[in-house]
């Protein structure tokens, strides 16, 4: 059960997607976080790889989920509501090639379609990916994805309307892949492709975010053989078939950090149900340095301010560093600090688009 926070009033919400918020008071209450966007959409794509029905729980109600659901449905996957609120069931028994017009309707809406490549190549021997969109946070080229798919044996043809991929040699094969940068998306691409490729795949310089580990857990439930080794190396032994999964998504670290930052900024007290310490370690250190106080509970984390907000120096990095998504809500809180804070963004060059940097 979620206790509404002061003063976000349902009766004050006008028509349309607008929230009317009366400021000037501390935020107090409880919020239960949903499943992580960065896992849910990828686990939805993974359902294409299974021979039986999959169930994903704690799915957030966001636009990316709607886009992936639509893409699955145009490829013949039957998507229905599950046996509890926030769960979706995926039946991939009738997967088929989608018409160009249906796929192209999603062009520019999300970057998730690139992750359909591996599963569709395994199921159908071909895939078409429209021009990709997504939030404007910086340059995110798909070269890492395409280079990896070529190493698996896919033929990549770039067209004015998108990218067509095929497997003229039949089944994809394992590969030795070294990413120039520990890209989350490229790591997901390799995982979703390698699990049914013939032979062994070694992925070097992989991303190791908690959502990546949760995706590995999903794939292992499906029958995949995946091991994580030191120095960002992931080894995948390909299998011929996979079954469906039943999985509850990891909590959304971005949402948890946003509520924590709101408690800090407003001198409030917010209990974030479902948040866990292990996945938040780096954020919690910075939160404490900035004057925040937290209490780890079995079912979540309680956040509040302890005295004045203090200036901090933060540099974003890939996991286990300070997550790039965390700096935006934290900066809002740091505007109330006495003194100058420094936030160095190293992941996406346009992450400061929400504010003026100097």
Protein backbone atom coordinates (compact mmCIF):
# COMPACT_ATOMS: atom_id res chain seq x y z
CA UNK A 1 0.00 0.00 0.00
CA UNK A 2 1.30 3.44 -0.97
CA UNK A 3 0.68 6.38 1.35
CA UNK A 4 0.19 9.54 -0.77
CA UNK A 5 2.85 12.18 -0.28
CA UNK A 6 1.95 15.72 0.82
CA UNK A 7 0.82 17.72 -1.32
CA UNK A 8 0.25 15.88 -4.56
CA UNK A 9 -3.55 15.89 -4.65
CA UNK A 10 -5.54 13.69 -7.00
CA UNK A 11 -8.41 16.18 -6.94
CA UNK A 12 -6.01 18.88 -8.11
CA UNK A 13 -5.06 17.04 -11.30
CA UNK A 14 -6.65 18.67 -14.35
CA UNK A 15 -7.47 16.79 -17.54
CA UNK A 16 -4.48 15.44 -19.42
CA UNK A 17 -1.15 14.15 -18.16
CA UNK A 18 -0.51 16.99 -15.72
CA UNK A 19 0.13 16.99 -11.98
CA UNK A 20 -0.77 20.08 -9.97
CA UNK A 21 1.66 20.33 -7.05
CA UNK A 22 1.53 22.89 -4.25
CA UNK A 23 5.12 23.43 -3.11
CA UNK A 24 6.70 24.81 0.01
CA UNK A 25 6.13 21.83 2.33
CA UNK A 26 8.26 18.76 3.13
CA UNK A 27 7.36 15.54 1.34
CA UNK A 28 6.38 12.81 3.79
CA UNK A 29 4.93 9.36 3.27
CA UNK A 30 5.59 6.00 1.67
CA UNK A 31 6.10 5.09 -1.98
CA UNK A 32 6.51 1.54 -3.25
CA UNK A 33 8.83 1.46 -6.26
CA UNK A 34 7.97 -0.51 -9.38
CA UNK A 35 10.19 -2.89 -11.28
CA UNK A 36 13.19 -1.45 -13.09
CA UNK A 37 12.53 -0.08 -16.55
CA UNK A 38 16.05 -1.14 -17.54
CA UNK A 39 15.17 -4.77 -16.77
CA UNK A 40 11.47 -5.01 -17.62
CA UNK A 41 11.73 -4.07 -21.29
CA UNK A 42 14.72 -6.41 -21.84
CA UNK A 43 13.00 -9.31 -20.08
CA UNK A 44 9.98 -8.70 -22.33
CA UNK A 45 12.23 -9.10 -25.38
CA UNK A 46 13.72 -12.26 -23.86
CA UNK A 47 10.26 -13.87 -23.92
CA UNK A 48 10.73 -14.20 -27.71
CA UNK A 49 13.46 -16.76 -27.06
CA UNK A 50 11.24 -19.16 -25.10
CA UNK A 51 9.20 -22.05 -26.43
CA UNK A 52 6.61 -21.66 -23.68
CA UNK A 53 4.75 -18.87 -21.87
CA UNK A 54 6.65 -16.31 -19.76
CA UNK A 55 5.37 -14.17 -16.88
CA UNK A 56 7.01 -10.91 -15.77
CA UNK A 57 5.95 -9.28 -12.49
CA UNK A 58 6.22 -5.71 -11.15
CA UNK A 59 6.18 -4.24 -14.65
CA UNK A 60 6.15 -0.40 -14.58
CA UNK A 61 3.43 1.45 -16.49
CA UNK A 62 5.67 3.53 -18.75
CA UNK A 63 5.83 4.36 -22.45
CA UNK A 64 8.85 2.09 -23.16
CA UNK A 65 6.89 -0.91 -21.87
CA UNK A 66 3.96 0.03 -24.12
CA UNK A 67 6.28 0.28 -27.14
CA UNK A 68 7.89 -3.12 -26.50
CA UNK A 69 4.48 -4.69 -25.89
CA UNK A 70 3.25 -3.37 -29.24
CA UNK A 71 6.37 -4.63 -31.02
CA UNK A 72 5.95 -8.07 -29.49
CA UNK A 73 2.30 -8.15 -30.55
CA UNK A 74 3.02 -7.19 -34.16
CA UNK A 75 5.48 -10.11 -34.22
CA UNK A 76 2.75 -12.51 -33.13
CA UNK A 77 3.40 -12.67 -29.37
CA UNK A 78 0.16 -12.77 -27.38
CA UNK A 79 0.47 -10.39 -24.40
CA UNK A 80 -2.10 -10.50 -21.60
CA UNK A 81 -2.47 -9.28 -18.03
CA UNK A 82 -1.20 -11.69 -15.39
CA UNK A 83 -2.66 -13.05 -12.17
CA UNK A 84 -1.58 -10.01 -10.10
CA UNK A 85 -1.47 -6.27 -10.63
CA UNK A 86 1.55 -5.19 -12.67
CA UNK A 87 2.22 -8.59 -14.26
CA UNK A 88 2.27 -9.47 -17.95
CA UNK A 89 2.11 -12.87 -19.65
CA UNK A 90 3.82 -13.51 -23.00
CA UNK A 91 2.87 -16.38 -25.31
CA UNK A 92 5.43 -16.63 -28.17
CA UNK A 93 4.01 -19.75 -29.81
CA UNK A 94 2.93 -17.87 -32.97
CA UNK A 95 5.94 -15.61 -33.60
CA UNK A 96 6.04 -14.36 -37.18
CA UNK A 97 7.64 -11.68 -39.31
CA UNK A 98 5.95 -8.34 -38.93
CA UNK A 99 5.02 -6.07 -41.82
CA UNK A 100 7.37 -3.15 -42.43
CA UNK A 101 4.57 -0.63 -41.87
CA UNK A 102 3.80 -2.08 -38.43
CA UNK A 103 7.43 -2.00 -37.32
CA UNK A 104 8.07 1.42 -38.84
CA UNK A 105 5.17 2.84 -36.83
CA UNK A 106 7.49 2.59 -33.80
CA UNK A 107 10.42 4.32 -35.47
CA UNK A 108 11.83 7.03 -33.25
CA UNK A 109 9.72 5.99 -30.23
CA UNK A 110 12.34 3.92 -28.43
CA UNK A 111 15.79 2.37 -28.74
CA UNK A 112 14.63 -1.03 -27.47
CA UNK A 113 13.86 -2.43 -30.98
CA UNK A 114 17.58 -3.00 -31.61
CA UNK A 115 17.47 -5.72 -28.94
CA UNK A 116 14.91 -7.68 -30.98
CA UNK A 117 17.66 -8.59 -33.48
CA UNK A 118 19.13 -11.68 -31.82
CA UNK A 119 15.84 -13.29 -30.73
CA UNK A 120 14.21 -12.68 -34.14
CA UNK A 121 17.24 -14.06 -35.99
CA UNK A 122 16.98 -17.23 -33.90
CA UNK A 123 13.21 -17.55 -34.36
CA UNK A 124 12.76 -16.35 -37.94
CA UNK A 125 16.21 -16.07 -39.54
CA UNK A 126 15.65 -12.38 -40.23
CA UNK A 127 14.91 -9.08 -38.50
CA UNK A 128 14.16 -5.49 -39.46
CA UNK A 129 14.91 -2.60 -37.14
CA UNK A 130 13.51 0.89 -37.87
CA UNK A 131 15.29 4.17 -37.22
CA UNK A 132 15.82 4.39 -33.48
CA UNK A 133 14.84 7.13 -31.07
CA UNK A 134 14.93 7.56 -27.32
CA UNK A 135 15.62 10.33 -24.83
CA UNK A 136 18.04 13.04 -25.97
CA UNK A 137 20.83 12.52 -23.49
CA UNK A 138 23.71 12.16 -25.93
CA UNK A 139 25.14 10.12 -28.75
CA UNK A 140 24.41 6.41 -28.38
CA UNK A 141 25.55 4.75 -31.61
CA UNK A 142 24.47 1.19 -32.36
CA UNK A 143 27.81 0.20 -33.89
CA UNK A 144 28.61 -1.96 -30.84
CA UNK A 145 25.37 -3.87 -31.45
CA UNK A 146 25.91 -4.36 -35.17
CA UNK A 147 29.57 -5.36 -34.80
CA UNK A 148 28.60 -8.00 -32.25
CA UNK A 149 25.79 -9.36 -34.44
CA UNK A 150 28.19 -9.66 -37.37
CA UNK A 151 30.55 -11.71 -35.20
CA UNK A 152 27.67 -14.07 -34.47
CA UNK A 153 27.31 -14.59 -38.24
CA UNK A 154 24.50 -12.16 -39.04
CA UNK A 155 24.49 -10.21 -42.30
CA UNK A 156 23.66 -6.55 -41.71
CA UNK A 157 22.17 -4.44 -44.50
CA UNK A 158 21.65 -0.73 -43.84
CA UNK A 159 18.64 0.74 -45.65
CA UNK A 160 17.26 4.30 -45.77
CA UNK A 161 14.35 3.18 -43.57
CA UNK A 162 16.32 1.10 -41.09
CA UNK A 163 18.44 -2.03 -40.81
CA UNK A 164 17.73 -5.51 -42.20
CA UNK A 165 19.51 -8.52 -40.71
CA UNK A 166 19.58 -12.13 -41.87
CA UNK A 167 21.34 -15.43 -41.19
CA UNK A 168 22.16 -16.94 -44.60
CA UNK A 169 24.48 -19.45 -42.92
CA UNK A 170 21.66 -20.85 -40.80
CA UNK A 171 22.08 -20.87 -37.01
CA UNK A 172 24.16 -18.12 -35.41
CA UNK A 173 27.43 -19.23 -33.82
CA UNK A 174 29.29 -18.25 -30.67
CA UNK A 175 31.87 -15.49 -30.79
CA UNK A 176 34.68 -13.81 -28.87
CA UNK A 177 33.56 -10.22 -28.34
CA UNK A 178 35.42 -7.34 -26.69
CA UNK A 179 33.41 -4.19 -26.17
CA UNK A 180 35.38 -0.91 -26.45
CA UNK A 181 33.18 0.43 -23.64
CA UNK A 182 31.08 -1.49 -21.07
CA UNK A 183 27.85 -0.57 -22.81
CA UNK A 184 24.67 -1.77 -21.11
CA UNK A 185 22.75 -2.05 -24.37
CA UNK A 186 25.50 -3.91 -26.20
CA UNK A 187 25.92 -6.31 -23.27
CA UNK A 188 22.18 -7.03 -23.39
CA UNK A 189 22.41 -7.57 -27.13
CA UNK A 190 25.18 -10.15 -26.72
CA UNK A 191 23.32 -11.97 -23.94
CA UNK A 192 20.04 -12.15 -25.87
CA UNK A 193 21.86 -13.41 -28.97
CA UNK A 194 24.47 -15.75 -27.47
CA UNK A 195 22.10 -17.88 -25.36
CA UNK A 196 20.84 -19.75 -28.46
CA UNK A 197 23.91 -19.40 -30.65
CA UNK A 198 25.85 -22.58 -31.44
CA UNK A 199 28.98 -22.86 -29.29
CA UNK A 200 30.52 -20.66 -26.60
CA UNK A 201 30.54 -16.86 -26.49
CA UNK A 202 33.01 -14.87 -24.41
CA UNK A 203 32.08 -11.26 -23.78
CA UNK A 204 34.89 -9.04 -22.49
CA UNK A 205 34.46 -5.58 -20.91
CA UNK A 206 30.80 -6.28 -20.25
CA UNK A 207 28.47 -4.03 -18.31
CA UNK A 208 27.71 -5.49 -14.86
CA UNK A 209 24.83 -3.30 -13.68
CA UNK A 210 22.29 -4.98 -11.33
CA UNK A 211 19.75 -4.96 -14.17
CA UNK A 212 22.22 -6.92 -16.33
CA UNK A 213 22.58 -9.50 -13.56
CA UNK A 214 18.79 -9.69 -13.28
CA UNK A 215 18.53 -10.29 -17.04
CA UNK A 216 21.08 -13.09 -16.66
CA UNK A 217 18.85 -14.53 -13.91
CA UNK A 218 15.87 -14.41 -16.29
CA UNK A 219 17.81 -16.19 -19.04
CA UNK A 220 19.12 -18.80 -16.61
CA UNK A 221 15.54 -19.56 -15.55
CA UNK A 222 14.82 -20.14 -19.25
CA UNK A 223 17.59 -22.74 -19.48
CA UNK A 224 20.59 -20.64 -20.53
CA UNK A 225 24.09 -21.42 -19.27
CA UNK A 226 25.80 -18.14 -18.30
CA UNK A 227 28.71 -17.51 -15.96
CA UNK A 228 30.18 -14.24 -14.75
CA UNK A 229 33.95 -14.21 -14.36
CA UNK A 230 36.37 -11.58 -12.98
CA UNK A 231 37.34 -8.46 -14.95
CA UNK A 232 33.96 -7.95 -16.63
CA UNK A 233 33.98 -11.25 -18.53
CA UNK A 234 30.72 -13.11 -19.19
CA UNK A 235 30.76 -16.60 -20.73
CA UNK A 236 27.64 -17.97 -22.44
CA UNK A 237 27.27 -21.58 -23.60
CA UNK A 238 24.63 -21.65 -26.33
CA UNK A 239 21.68 -24.05 -26.10
CA UNK A 240 19.25 -25.20 -28.78
CA UNK A 241 16.01 -24.31 -27.02
CA UNK A 242 14.79 -22.22 -24.10
CA UNK A 243 11.57 -22.32 -22.10
CA UNK A 244 9.53 -19.50 -20.64
CA UNK A 245 10.18 -17.84 -17.28
CA UNK A 246 8.33 -16.53 -14.24
CA UNK A 247 10.26 -13.58 -12.81
CA UNK A 248 9.75 -10.61 -10.53
CA UNK A 249 11.73 -7.60 -11.74
CA UNK A 250 14.45 -5.99 -9.67
CA UNK A 251 13.37 -2.65 -8.18
CA UNK A 252 13.99 0.58 -10.09
CA UNK A 253 17.15 2.21 -8.70
CA UNK A 254 16.42 5.42 -10.59
CA UNK A 255 13.01 5.82 -8.98
CA UNK A 256 14.38 5.06 -5.51
CA UNK A 257 17.14 7.67 -5.89
CA UNK A 258 14.61 10.23 -7.14
CA UNK A 259 12.45 9.86 -4.02
CA UNK A 260 15.54 9.98 -1.80
CA UNK A 261 16.61 13.21 -3.48
CA UNK A 262 13.10 14.62 -3.02
CA UNK A 263 13.29 13.91 0.72
CA UNK A 264 16.68 15.62 0.86
CA UNK A 265 15.57 18.67 -1.12
CA UNK A 266 12.36 19.29 0.83
CA UNK A 267 13.59 18.31 4.31
CA UNK A 268 10.98 15.57 4.25
CA UNK A 269 10.86 11.91 5.20
CA UNK A 270 10.06 9.27 2.58
CA UNK A 271 9.99 5.50 2.99
CA UNK A 272 10.79 3.87 -0.35
CA UNK A 273 9.25 0.42 -0.23
CA UNK A 274 11.09 -2.24 -2.22
CA UNK A 275 14.41 -0.37 -2.34
CA UNK A 276 17.44 -2.46 -1.34
CA UNK A 277 20.80 -1.42 0.05
CA UNK A 278 23.08 -3.57 -2.07
CA UNK A 279 22.04 -2.02 -5.39
CA UNK A 280 22.12 1.52 -3.90
CA UNK A 281 25.51 1.45 -2.12
CA UNK A 282 27.23 4.12 -4.20
CA UNK A 283 24.22 6.44 -4.11
CA UNK A 284 23.81 6.00 -0.35
CA UNK A 285 27.42 7.10 0.25
CA UNK A 286 26.91 10.32 -1.71
CA UNK A 287 23.49 10.87 -0.13
CA UNK A 288 25.05 10.68 3.34
CA UNK A 289 27.88 13.06 2.39
CA UNK A 290 25.28 15.55 1.14
CA UNK A 291 23.58 15.62 4.54
CA UNK A 292 21.09 12.82 4.02
CA UNK A 293 20.10 10.21 6.60
CA UNK A 294 18.74 6.76 5.83
CA UNK A 295 17.62 3.66 7.67
CA UNK A 296 17.73 0.26 5.98
CA UNK A 297 14.60 -1.81 6.65
CA UNK A 298 13.73 -5.31 5.51
CA UNK A 299 11.07 -4.01 3.12
CA UNK A 300 12.70 -0.76 1.98
CA UNK A 301 14.75 2.30 2.92
CA UNK A 302 13.70 5.37 4.92
CA UNK A 303 15.22 8.63 3.66
CA UNK A 304 15.37 12.07 5.28
CA UNK A 305 17.69 15.04 5.73
CA UNK A 306 19.99 15.42 8.73
CA UNK A 307 20.78 19.10 9.16
CA UNK A 308 21.74 21.33 6.24
CA UNK A 309 22.43 20.02 2.73
CA UNK A 310 26.16 19.94 2.11
CA UNK A 311 27.96 20.50 -1.20
CA UNK A 312 29.53 17.40 -2.76
CA UNK A 313 31.76 16.44 -5.68
CA UNK A 314 30.33 13.63 -7.83
CA UNK A 315 31.55 11.92 -11.00
CA UNK A 316 29.26 9.55 -12.86
CA UNK A 317 30.56 6.22 -14.11
CA UNK A 318 29.47 2.74 -15.15
CA UNK A 319 28.48 0.36 -12.35
CA UNK A 320 29.67 0.10 -9.62
CA UNK A 321 30.27 3.85 -9.99
CA UNK A 322 27.72 6.61 -9.46
CA UNK A 323 24.94 5.98 -11.95
CA UNK A 324 24.42 8.63 -14.63
CA UNK A 325 20.64 8.51 -14.02
CA UNK A 326 21.16 9.48 -10.39
CA UNK A 327 22.83 12.82 -11.01
CA UNK A 328 19.70 14.57 -12.30
CA UNK A 329 17.48 14.23 -9.20
CA UNK A 330 20.49 14.75 -6.94
CA UNK A 331 21.36 18.03 -8.67
CA UNK A 332 17.86 19.31 -7.86
CA UNK A 333 18.55 18.66 -4.17
CA UNK A 334 22.05 20.17 -4.39
CA UNK A 335 20.54 23.50 -5.49
CA UNK A 336 19.57 23.84 -1.80
CA UNK A 337 23.09 23.16 -0.46
CA UNK A 338 25.15 25.90 1.19
CA UNK A 339 28.19 26.03 -1.08
CA UNK A 340 29.14 24.87 -4.57
CA UNK A 341 28.79 21.26 -5.67
CA UNK A 342 30.57 19.77 -8.69
CA UNK A 343 28.95 17.07 -10.81
CA UNK A 344 31.08 15.61 -13.61
CA UNK A 345 29.08 13.64 -16.18
CA UNK A 346 31.24 11.05 -17.98
CA UNK A 347 28.65 8.79 -19.61
CA UNK A 348 26.31 10.96 -21.75
CA UNK A 349 27.38 14.36 -22.98
CA UNK A 350 23.86 15.83 -23.00
CA UNK A 351 22.72 14.65 -19.57
CA UNK A 352 22.73 18.28 -18.40
CA UNK A 353 20.03 19.21 -20.89
CA UNK A 354 17.58 19.73 -18.00
CA UNK A 355 19.63 22.62 -16.59
CA UNK A 356 22.18 25.26 -17.56
CA UNK A 357 25.77 24.12 -17.00
CA UNK A 358 28.62 26.56 -16.48
